[in-house]
Amino acid sequence: MDWAGELREAFGRLCAGQEARVEFAARTDRVGTLGQEFNALAGELEGLSVNTLTRERAHSLRNRLAGILAALHVLRMSNELTPEEQTALEHVVASAQQLDERLRKR
């Protein structure tokens, strides 16, 4: 599976409240940096429940998520992606926006 498909699946797990990590975070390019940011976000979300998520914490998580969305936008506009990666990233962006909405409600 390519990195975009892996990220798509990982965001799906994250939105479902499951543990999620991506392997491509070990890469040394900007895709790897995106993976590192995703893993950091996932790590922060682990162990949080509705009762332990403060408004300040939700804001911090939304800021990290905004950085991930910005990086995705740059990648999508770079013309470096295959059509399959473009499609996968469309789904990733939709999942990230769903997560943002959940965090916004805090």
Protein backbone atom coordinates (compact mmCIF):
# COMPACT_ATOMS: atom_id res chain seq x y z
CA MET A 1 0.00 0.00 0.00
CA ASP A 2 1.27 3.47 -0.80
CA TRP A 3 1.65 6.22 1.81
CA ALA A 4 -1.57 7.99 0.79
CA GLY A 5 -3.61 4.81 1.19
CA GLU A 6 -1.93 4.14 4.53
CA LEU A 7 -2.77 7.65 5.70
CA ARG A 8 -6.35 7.23 4.52
CA GLU A 9 -6.77 4.05 6.55
CA ALA A 10 -5.04 5.57 9.58
CA PHE A 11 -7.31 8.63 9.56
CA GLY A 12 -10.30 6.29 9.34
CA ARG A 13 -9.11 4.45 12.45
CA LEU A 14 -8.39 7.71 14.23
CA CYS A 15 -11.88 9.05 13.47
CA ALA A 16 -13.35 5.80 14.76
CA GLY A 17 -11.54 6.32 18.06
CA GLN A 18 -9.02 3.55 17.40
CA GLU A 19 -5.26 3.60 17.73
CA ALA A 20 -3.57 4.69 14.53
CA ARG A 21 0.00 5.09 13.33
CA VAL A 22 1.64 5.34 9.91
CA GLU A 23 4.84 3.57 8.92
CA PHE A 24 5.87 6.11 6.31
CA ALA A 25 6.84 8.55 9.08
CA ALA A 26 10.33 7.09 8.81
CA ARG A 27 10.79 8.67 5.37
CA THR A 28 13.14 11.65 5.16
CA ASP A 29 11.06 13.77 2.78
CA ARG A 30 8.00 15.97 3.31
CA VAL A 31 5.74 12.91 3.16
CA GLY A 32 7.70 11.54 6.11
CA THR A 33 7.25 14.83 7.95
CA LEU A 34 3.51 14.57 7.33
CA GLY A 35 3.60 11.05 8.78
CA GLN A 36 5.48 12.26 11.85
CA GLU A 37 2.87 14.98 12.41
CA PHE A 38 0.05 12.46 12.02
CA ASN A 39 1.67 10.08 14.51
CA ALA A 40 2.13 12.95 16.99
CA LEU A 41 -1.56 13.89 16.63
CA ALA A 42 -2.61 10.27 17.04
CA GLY A 43 -0.41 9.98 20.13
CA GLU A 44 -2.02 13.04 21.68
CA LEU A 45 -5.51 11.68 21.00
CA GLU A 46 -4.76 8.32 22.59
CA GLY A 47 -6.18 7.93 26.02
CA LEU A 48 -8.35 11.02 25.77
CA SER A 49 -12.01 10.61 26.51
CA VAL A 50 -14.84 13.06 26.17
CA ASN A 51 -14.44 13.82 29.89
CA THR A 52 -10.70 14.52 29.74
CA LEU A 53 -10.67 16.64 26.58
CA THR A 54 -10.60 20.25 27.67
CA ARG A 55 -11.35 23.14 25.36
CA GLU A 56 -7.70 24.19 25.47
CA ARG A 57 -6.52 20.67 24.60
CA ALA A 58 -9.04 20.46 21.74
CA HIS A 59 -7.74 23.79 20.43
CA SER A 60 -4.17 22.50 20.53
CA LEU A 61 -5.18 19.35 18.67
CA ARG A 62 -7.06 21.39 16.08
CA ASN A 63 -3.93 23.50 15.51
CA ARG A 64 -1.88 20.35 14.87
CA LEU A 65 -4.61 19.07 12.57
CA ALA A 66 -4.62 22.39 10.68
CA GLY A 67 -0.90 21.94 10.04
CA ILE A 68 -1.54 18.47 8.65
CA LEU A 69 -4.30 19.81 6.40
CA ALA A 70 -2.00 22.56 5.15
CA ALA A 71 0.71 20.02 4.33
CA LEU A 72 -1.84 17.90 2.49
CA HIS A 73 -2.91 20.91 0.48
CA VAL A 74 0.67 21.64 -0.53
CA LEU A 75 1.19 18.02 -1.56
CA ARG A 76 -2.04 17.96 -3.56
CA MET A 77 -1.04 21.11 -5.44
CA SER A 78 2.50 19.90 -6.16
CA ASN A 79 1.61 17.75 -9.18
CA GLU A 80 3.86 15.05 -7.70
CA LEU A 81 1.01 12.67 -6.85
CA THR A 82 -0.42 9.81 -8.82
CA PRO A 83 -4.16 9.82 -9.52
CA GLU A 84 -4.57 7.12 -6.86
CA GLU A 85 -2.74 9.25 -4.30
CA GLN A 86 -4.90 12.26 -5.22
CA THR A 87 -8.06 10.22 -4.64
CA ALA A 88 -6.79 8.82 -1.35
CA LEU A 89 -5.89 12.33 -0.15
CA GLU A 90 -9.40 13.57 -0.95
CA HIS A 91 -10.68 10.95 1.50
CA VAL A 92 -8.00 11.86 4.02
CA VAL A 93 -9.00 15.53 3.89
CA ALA A 94 -12.66 14.59 4.41
CA SER A 95 -11.74 12.45 7.44
CA ALA A 96 -9.52 15.19 8.84
CA GLN A 97 -12.36 17.68 8.49
CA GLN A 98 -14.68 15.29 10.35
CA LEU A 99 -12.16 15.03 13.16
CA ASP A 100 -11.84 18.81 13.20
CA GLU A 101 -15.61 19.14 13.58
CA ARG A 102 -15.60 16.74 16.52
CA LEU A 103 -12.81 18.71 18.19
CA ARG A 104 -14.54 22.01 17.44
CA LYS A 105 -17.56 20.91 19.48
CA ARG A 106 -15.42 20.82 22.63
